[in-house]
Amino acid sequence: MATCTRNVWKVLSGCQKQLLSAGGPSYSAVSQVAPRTLPIRTYAAVRARKKDKKEEEKKKEKEEKKEKRIIDDKDRPKPFGKTAWVPVDDVYVKRFYARVVHSASDSINMLKRFQKLDFAPADQPVYVDLKLDMKLEKKKKVDPFVTTVHLPHPFKTEINKVLVFTEDSGQAKVAKENGAAVVGGAELIQPILDDEISADFYVAVPDILTKILPLKNKLRKKFPKSKRGSVTNNISQALQLFKTGHEYMVESDCFVRTQIATLDMPSEQIFANLQVILTDVCSHRPAGLGPFVERAIMSTQTSEAVWFRTESVLPTAAQTDEE
């Protein structure tokens, strides 16, 4: 009991000690009030805050280290960390030499030569794989997009099946005359949900868009959208685009992987199809922000991947101004 009273006496302020010595409130009353004036902060809370600050500093250091160091190899006799620019022999270890990036026309000719050496089918598809820089100003990004383009030299023989949503008799007549596979209104919702009716593309007029919202989860990316040009009153123009158009999309946030031609097509036609797709891809970001395509690869089903430069394929600023 004596030790307890000593501890309480230490905690008490000067005024409280004077009250006790002058016969003020009883010891029991002061002992109940005194512990409430003690500070709540403890050493554990302080340590936790210090740990959080240290962790934040470590994260910042890691982010700074992650930033790649850009080395300009243009004026060097050999690339940084490599043996030489070009190997002398046909047999060499790839990691000791810089990656060879060809022009688009040379890449197409290489794929045709690979097909003859490998005795592979001549009508195999030609694919292009693009990695895009989706960054914009002020930490914004380009939204992943889905686009349909008209290729100057189509490689598909069959026509795409297009379904048109409209309740107007005049628009329905125009749709049927322009080759729509199915034309109808809200009565088509249940057959589509039951998988009785399906199509490659779905076009809708703006007035019926609210009525077909139950199909949004079913159709997903195929659901009509104004950005894709599938919500319009100009049904004839939309049908011309989607019946023979080629669709591509951005996958995994920044990659475009799509077929552009078949290998048995002339090189000039493959190049023209590639130019249309690259021009359309680059139109989704302002040109003033730098090159949109970071890396471009061309390949077939049986060949190795060939890296190529997109600068020679894209039209120059002078050409675009003239057009």
Protein backbone atom coordinates (compact mmCIF):
# COMPACT_ATOMS: atom_id res chain seq x y z
CA MET A 1 0.00 0.00 0.00
CA ALA A 2 2.88 2.36 0.76
CA THR A 3 4.48 1.85 -2.67
CA CYS A 4 1.10 2.46 -4.37
CA THR A 5 0.62 5.78 -2.56
CA ARG A 6 4.15 6.88 -3.53
CA ASN A 7 3.48 6.19 -7.23
CA VAL A 8 0.19 8.08 -7.17
CA TRP A 9 1.85 11.01 -5.33
CA LYS A 10 4.44 11.29 -8.15
CA VAL A 11 1.73 11.43 -10.81
CA LEU A 12 -0.30 14.14 -9.09
CA SER A 13 0.16 17.77 -10.13
CA GLY A 14 1.13 20.57 -7.74
CA CYS A 15 -2.45 21.80 -7.31
CA GLN A 16 -3.70 18.31 -6.44
CA LYS A 17 -0.92 17.89 -3.85
CA GLN A 18 -1.94 21.21 -2.23
CA LEU A 19 -5.57 20.07 -2.07
CA LEU A 20 -4.59 16.81 -0.38
CA SER A 21 -2.33 18.50 2.16
CA ALA A 22 -5.06 21.11 2.89
CA GLY A 23 -7.64 18.41 3.54
CA GLY A 24 -9.19 18.50 0.08
CA PRO A 25 -10.84 15.56 -1.70
CA SER A 26 -10.15 12.06 -0.44
CA TYR A 27 -7.35 9.80 -1.81
CA SER A 28 -9.82 7.44 -3.42
CA ALA A 29 -11.41 10.25 -5.49
CA VAL A 30 -8.03 11.57 -6.71
CA SER A 31 -6.78 8.09 -7.59
CA GLN A 32 -9.80 7.55 -9.86
CA VAL A 33 -9.23 10.82 -11.75
CA ALA A 34 -5.42 10.76 -12.00
CA PRO A 35 -4.94 7.82 -14.44
CA ARG A 36 -7.17 9.57 -17.03
CA THR A 37 -4.65 12.40 -17.39
CA LEU A 38 -1.87 9.98 -18.45
CA PRO A 39 -0.76 10.18 -22.14
CA ILE A 40 -2.24 7.55 -24.49
CA ARG A 41 0.73 7.41 -26.94
CA THR A 42 3.06 4.48 -26.29
CA TYR A 43 6.43 3.38 -27.62
CA ALA A 44 4.77 0.67 -29.76
CA ALA A 45 2.73 3.25 -31.70
CA VAL A 46 5.84 5.38 -32.31
CA ARG A 47 7.80 2.35 -33.55
CA ALA A 48 4.98 1.40 -35.94
CA ARG A 49 5.03 4.89 -37.45
CA LYS A 50 8.79 4.76 -37.89
CA LYS A 51 8.49 1.38 -39.65
CA ASP A 52 5.87 2.74 -42.04
CA LYS A 53 8.12 5.68 -42.94
CA LYS A 54 11.08 3.35 -43.56
CA GLU A 55 8.96 1.08 -45.78
CA GLU A 56 7.76 4.07 -47.83
CA GLU A 57 11.35 5.25 -48.30
CA LYS A 58 12.39 1.76 -49.43
CA LYS A 59 9.54 1.64 -51.97
CA LYS A 60 10.56 4.99 -53.41
CA GLU A 61 14.17 3.80 -53.74
CA LYS A 62 13.04 0.62 -55.52
CA GLU A 63 10.88 2.60 -57.97
CA GLU A 64 13.81 4.88 -58.77
CA LYS A 65 16.07 1.86 -59.36
CA LYS A 66 13.46 0.20 -61.62
CA GLU A 67 13.64 3.06 -64.12
CA LYS A 68 15.60 1.75 -67.10
CA ARG A 69 18.81 3.47 -68.01
CA ILE A 70 18.63 4.52 -71.66
CA ILE A 71 21.92 4.12 -73.51
CA ASP A 72 22.45 5.68 -76.92
CA ASP A 73 24.41 3.22 -79.09
CA LYS A 74 24.27 5.14 -82.38
CA ASP A 75 27.87 6.42 -82.41
CA ARG A 76 29.43 3.37 -80.72
CA PRO A 77 31.58 0.85 -82.65
CA LYS A 78 29.55 -1.93 -81.05
CA PRO A 79 26.35 -2.00 -78.95
CA PHE A 80 26.63 -1.75 -75.17
CA GLY A 81 27.29 -5.17 -73.64
CA LYS A 82 27.43 -6.98 -77.02
CA THR A 83 30.18 -8.43 -79.19
CA ALA A 84 29.36 -6.62 -82.43
CA TRP A 85 26.53 -5.09 -84.40
CA VAL A 86 26.25 -7.90 -86.97
CA PRO A 87 27.56 -11.49 -86.73
CA VAL A 88 30.21 -12.54 -89.25
CA ASP A 89 29.04 -16.15 -89.65
CA ASP A 90 25.59 -17.72 -90.13
CA VAL A 91 25.92 -19.68 -86.87
CA TYR A 92 26.21 -17.50 -83.78
CA VAL A 93 24.90 -17.05 -80.24
CA LYS A 94 22.09 -14.51 -80.37
CA ARG A 95 22.64 -12.97 -76.95
CA PHE A 96 26.12 -11.77 -77.96
CA TYR A 97 24.81 -9.62 -80.84
CA ALA A 98 22.28 -6.82 -81.20
CA ARG A 99 18.81 -7.77 -82.37
CA VAL A 100 18.39 -7.16 -86.11
CA VAL A 101 15.32 -5.04 -86.92
CA HIS A 102 14.34 -5.17 -90.60
CA SER A 103 12.17 -2.98 -92.78
CA ALA A 104 8.58 -4.12 -93.35
CA SER A 105 9.15 -5.06 -97.00
CA ASP A 106 12.27 -7.09 -96.13
CA SER A 107 10.33 -8.87 -93.37
CA ILE A 108 7.63 -9.95 -95.82
CA ASN A 109 10.25 -11.27 -98.26
CA MET A 110 11.97 -13.16 -95.42
CA LEU A 111 8.70 -14.87 -94.45
CA LYS A 112 8.17 -15.95 -98.05
CA ARG A 113 11.72 -17.33 -98.18
CA PHE A 114 11.23 -19.21 -94.88
CA GLN A 115 8.09 -20.84 -96.33
CA LYS A 116 10.00 -22.21 -99.32
CA LEU A 117 12.89 -23.49 -97.20
CA ASP A 118 10.56 -25.20 -94.70
CA PHE A 119 8.19 -26.63 -97.39
CA ALA A 120 5.32 -25.11 -95.40
CA PRO A 121 1.83 -24.34 -96.81
CA ALA A 122 1.85 -21.24 -99.00
CA ASP A 123 -1.61 -20.08 -97.91
CA GLN A 124 -0.81 -19.87 -94.20
CA PRO A 125 -1.85 -16.67 -92.36
CA VAL A 126 0.51 -13.76 -91.72
CA TYR A 127 0.26 -12.24 -88.25
CA VAL A 128 1.46 -8.98 -86.77
CA ASP A 129 2.18 -8.47 -83.05
CA LEU A 130 2.38 -4.87 -81.80
CA LYS A 131 3.28 -3.56 -78.36
CA LEU A 132 1.78 -0.10 -77.73
CA ASP A 133 2.81 2.74 -75.46
CA MET A 134 -0.57 3.54 -73.88
CA LYS A 135 0.66 6.48 -71.77
CA LEU A 136 -0.85 9.94 -72.12
CA GLU A 137 -0.17 13.24 -70.38
CA LYS A 138 -0.71 13.66 -66.61
CA LYS A 139 -0.58 9.93 -65.74
CA LYS A 140 -3.52 9.13 -68.05
CA LYS A 141 -3.66 6.14 -70.41
CA VAL A 142 -5.31 5.25 -73.70
CA ASP A 143 -8.33 3.03 -73.10
CA PRO A 144 -8.09 -0.43 -74.75
CA PHE A 145 -10.04 -0.24 -78.01
CA VAL A 146 -11.75 -2.52 -80.53
CA THR A 147 -11.78 -1.35 -84.17
CA THR A 148 -13.06 -2.59 -87.52
CA VAL A 149 -11.17 -1.49 -90.65
CA HIS A 150 -11.58 -2.00 -94.39
CA LEU A 151 -8.53 -3.80 -95.76
CA PRO A 152 -7.65 -2.89 -99.36
CA HIS A 153 -6.98 -6.58 -100.09
CA PRO A 154 -9.28 -8.82 -97.99
CA PHE A 155 -7.98 -12.30 -97.24
CA LYS A 156 -11.34 -13.78 -96.21
CA THR A 157 -13.64 -15.28 -98.83
CA GLU A 158 -16.77 -15.50 -96.65
CA ILE A 159 -18.85 -12.44 -95.70
CA ASN A 160 -19.42 -11.59 -92.04
CA LYS A 161 -22.90 -12.19 -90.63
CA VAL A 162 -24.43 -8.89 -89.41
CA LEU A 163 -27.56 -8.53 -87.25
CA VAL A 164 -29.44 -5.21 -87.20
CA PHE A 165 -31.65 -4.03 -84.32
CA THR A 166 -34.39 -1.66 -85.48
CA GLU A 167 -38.16 -1.34 -85.11
CA ASP A 168 -38.59 1.08 -88.00
CA SER A 169 -39.99 -0.60 -91.13
CA GLY A 170 -38.09 1.73 -93.49
CA GLN A 171 -34.74 1.09 -91.77
CA ALA A 172 -35.47 -2.66 -91.72
CA LYS A 173 -36.07 -2.60 -95.48
CA VAL A 174 -32.75 -0.76 -96.06
CA ALA A 175 -30.94 -3.29 -93.85
CA LYS A 176 -32.31 -6.27 -95.80
CA GLU A 177 -31.45 -4.65 -99.14
CA ASN A 178 -27.84 -4.09 -98.00
CA GLY A 179 -27.30 -7.70 -96.95
CA ALA A 180 -28.16 -7.89 -93.23
CA ALA A 181 -28.45 -11.52 -92.11
CA VAL A 182 -31.10 -10.84 -89.42
CA VAL A 183 -33.26 -7.75 -88.86
CA GLY A 184 -35.59 -7.21 -85.90
CA GLY A 185 -36.37 -5.43 -82.67
CA ALA A 186 -36.85 -6.44 -79.04
CA GLU A 187 -38.32 -9.80 -80.10
CA LEU A 188 -34.77 -10.98 -80.95
CA ILE A 189 -33.55 -10.69 -77.33
CA GLN A 190 -34.78 -14.06 -76.10
CA PRO A 191 -33.59 -16.09 -79.15
CA ILE A 192 -30.12 -14.52 -78.78
CA LEU A 193 -30.05 -15.35 -75.05
CA ASP A 194 -31.04 -18.94 -75.91
CA ASP A 195 -28.25 -19.17 -78.56
CA GLU A 196 -30.80 -19.69 -81.32
CA ILE A 197 -29.52 -16.64 -83.22
CA SER A 198 -25.90 -15.49 -83.46
CA ALA A 199 -23.89 -13.12 -85.65
CA ASP A 200 -20.36 -11.82 -86.17
CA PHE A 201 -21.41 -8.18 -85.69
CA TYR A 202 -24.42 -6.45 -84.13
CA VAL A 203 -25.66 -3.04 -85.33
CA ALA A 204 -28.37 -0.98 -83.64
CA VAL A 205 -30.14 2.33 -84.16
CA PRO A 206 -29.94 4.77 -81.20
CA ASP A 207 -33.69 4.58 -80.44
CA ILE A 208 -33.63 0.85 -79.61
CA LEU A 209 -30.42 0.83 -77.58
CA THR A 210 -32.17 1.01 -74.17
CA LYS A 211 -34.47 -1.92 -75.06
CA ILE A 212 -31.61 -4.32 -75.85
CA LEU A 213 -29.63 -3.68 -72.62
CA PRO A 214 -30.47 -7.24 -71.35
CA LEU A 215 -28.06 -8.50 -74.05
CA LYS A 216 -25.08 -6.57 -72.68
CA ASN A 217 -23.72 -9.44 -70.56
CA LYS A 218 -24.40 -11.96 -73.34
CA LEU A 219 -22.78 -10.08 -76.23
CA ARG A 220 -20.07 -8.35 -74.16
CA LYS A 221 -17.55 -6.86 -76.63
CA LYS A 222 -19.94 -7.40 -79.54
CA PHE A 223 -22.64 -5.26 -77.94
CA PRO A 224 -23.37 -2.22 -80.16
CA LYS A 225 -21.33 0.88 -79.22
CA SER A 226 -21.09 4.31 -80.80
CA LYS A 227 -17.26 4.28 -80.55
CA ARG A 228 -17.09 1.22 -82.79
CA GLY A 229 -19.59 2.67 -85.25
CA SER A 230 -22.18 -0.04 -84.54
CA VAL A 231 -24.76 2.45 -83.14
CA THR A 232 -25.88 4.60 -86.06
CA ASN A 233 -28.84 5.64 -88.19
CA ASN A 234 -26.79 5.16 -91.37
CA ILE A 235 -27.40 1.42 -91.61
CA SER A 236 -26.20 1.00 -95.20
CA GLN A 237 -22.75 2.45 -94.39
CA ALA A 238 -22.44 0.33 -91.24
CA LEU A 239 -23.32 -2.84 -93.16
CA GLN A 240 -20.69 -2.09 -95.83
CA LEU A 241 -18.08 -1.79 -93.09
CA PHE A 242 -18.99 -4.81 -90.99
CA LYS A 243 -19.84 -7.26 -93.79
CA THR A 244 -16.31 -7.21 -95.23
CA GLY A 245 -14.42 -5.43 -92.42
CA HIS A 246 -11.53 -6.80 -90.36
CA GLU A 247 -11.75 -6.45 -86.58
CA TYR A 248 -8.81 -6.19 -84.19
CA MET A 249 -8.54 -5.27 -80.51
CA VAL A 250 -6.07 -4.35 -77.78
CA GLU A 251 -5.36 -7.38 -75.57
CA SER A 252 -3.61 -7.49 -72.18
CA ASP A 253 -3.72 -3.68 -71.87
CA CYS A 254 -1.12 -2.88 -74.59
CA PHE A 255 -0.84 -5.65 -77.24
CA VAL A 256 -2.44 -5.95 -80.69
CA ARG A 257 -2.25 -9.42 -82.25
CA THR A 258 -4.11 -9.87 -85.52
CA GLN A 259 -3.91 -11.46 -88.96
CA ILE A 260 -3.15 -9.09 -91.84
CA ALA A 261 -2.98 -11.40 -94.91
CA THR A 262 -2.08 -14.85 -96.20
CA LEU A 263 1.45 -15.66 -97.35
CA ASP A 264 0.42 -16.54 -100.92
CA MET A 265 -0.73 -12.95 -101.52
CA PRO A 266 1.67 -10.60 -103.39
CA SER A 267 4.10 -8.69 -101.21
CA GLU A 268 2.58 -5.35 -102.26
CA GLN A 269 -0.88 -6.42 -101.04
CA ILE A 270 0.48 -7.65 -97.69
CA PHE A 271 2.31 -4.36 -97.25
CA ALA A 272 -0.85 -2.35 -98.10
CA ASN A 273 -2.92 -4.26 -95.51
CA LEU A 274 -0.19 -3.75 -92.90
CA GLN A 275 -0.09 -0.03 -93.64
CA VAL A 276 -3.87 0.35 -93.15
CA ILE A 277 -3.82 -1.45 -89.79
CA LEU A 278 -0.79 0.45 -88.47
CA THR A 279 -2.24 3.80 -89.55
CA ASP A 280 -5.53 3.02 -87.82
CA VAL A 281 -3.74 1.87 -84.63
CA CYS A 282 -1.65 5.05 -84.44
CA SER A 283 -4.75 7.24 -84.90
CA HIS A 284 -5.88 6.36 -81.34
CA ARG A 285 -3.16 8.52 -79.73
CA PRO A 286 -1.92 12.07 -80.53
CA ALA A 287 1.21 12.00 -82.70
CA GLY A 288 2.85 14.71 -80.59
CA LEU A 289 3.37 12.27 -77.71
CA GLY A 290 5.93 10.24 -79.66
CA PRO A 291 5.76 6.84 -81.37
CA PHE A 292 2.73 4.78 -80.35
CA VAL A 293 4.17 1.40 -81.42
CA GLU A 294 7.07 0.36 -79.19
CA ARG A 295 7.75 -3.00 -80.84
CA ALA A 296 6.48 -4.68 -84.03
CA ILE A 297 6.83 -8.36 -85.00
CA MET A 298 5.67 -10.20 -88.12
CA SER A 299 5.36 -13.99 -88.32
CA THR A 300 3.47 -16.94 -89.80
CA GLN A 301 2.31 -20.23 -88.28
CA THR A 302 5.54 -22.05 -89.14
CA SER A 303 8.20 -19.31 -89.28
CA GLU A 304 10.24 -17.52 -86.67
CA ALA A 305 9.28 -14.02 -85.56
CA VAL A 306 10.80 -11.17 -87.59
CA TRP A 307 11.15 -7.76 -85.95
CA PHE A 308 10.47 -4.79 -88.24
CA ARG A 309 10.45 -1.00 -88.15
CA THR A 310 7.09 0.77 -88.37
CA GLU A 311 8.49 4.16 -89.43
CA SER A 312 8.76 3.09 -93.09
CA VAL A 313 5.16 1.82 -93.12
CA LEU A 314 3.40 4.82 -91.58
CA PRO A 315 2.67 7.79 -93.87
CA THR A 316 4.72 10.90 -93.20
CA ALA A 317 3.24 14.17 -91.90
CA ALA A 318 3.53 15.75 -95.35
CA GLN A 319 1.50 12.96 -96.95
CA THR A 320 -1.24 13.18 -94.32
CA ASP A 321 -1.49 16.96 -94.79
CA GLU A 322 -1.90 16.54 -98.56
CA GLU A 323 -4.68 13.99 -98.04
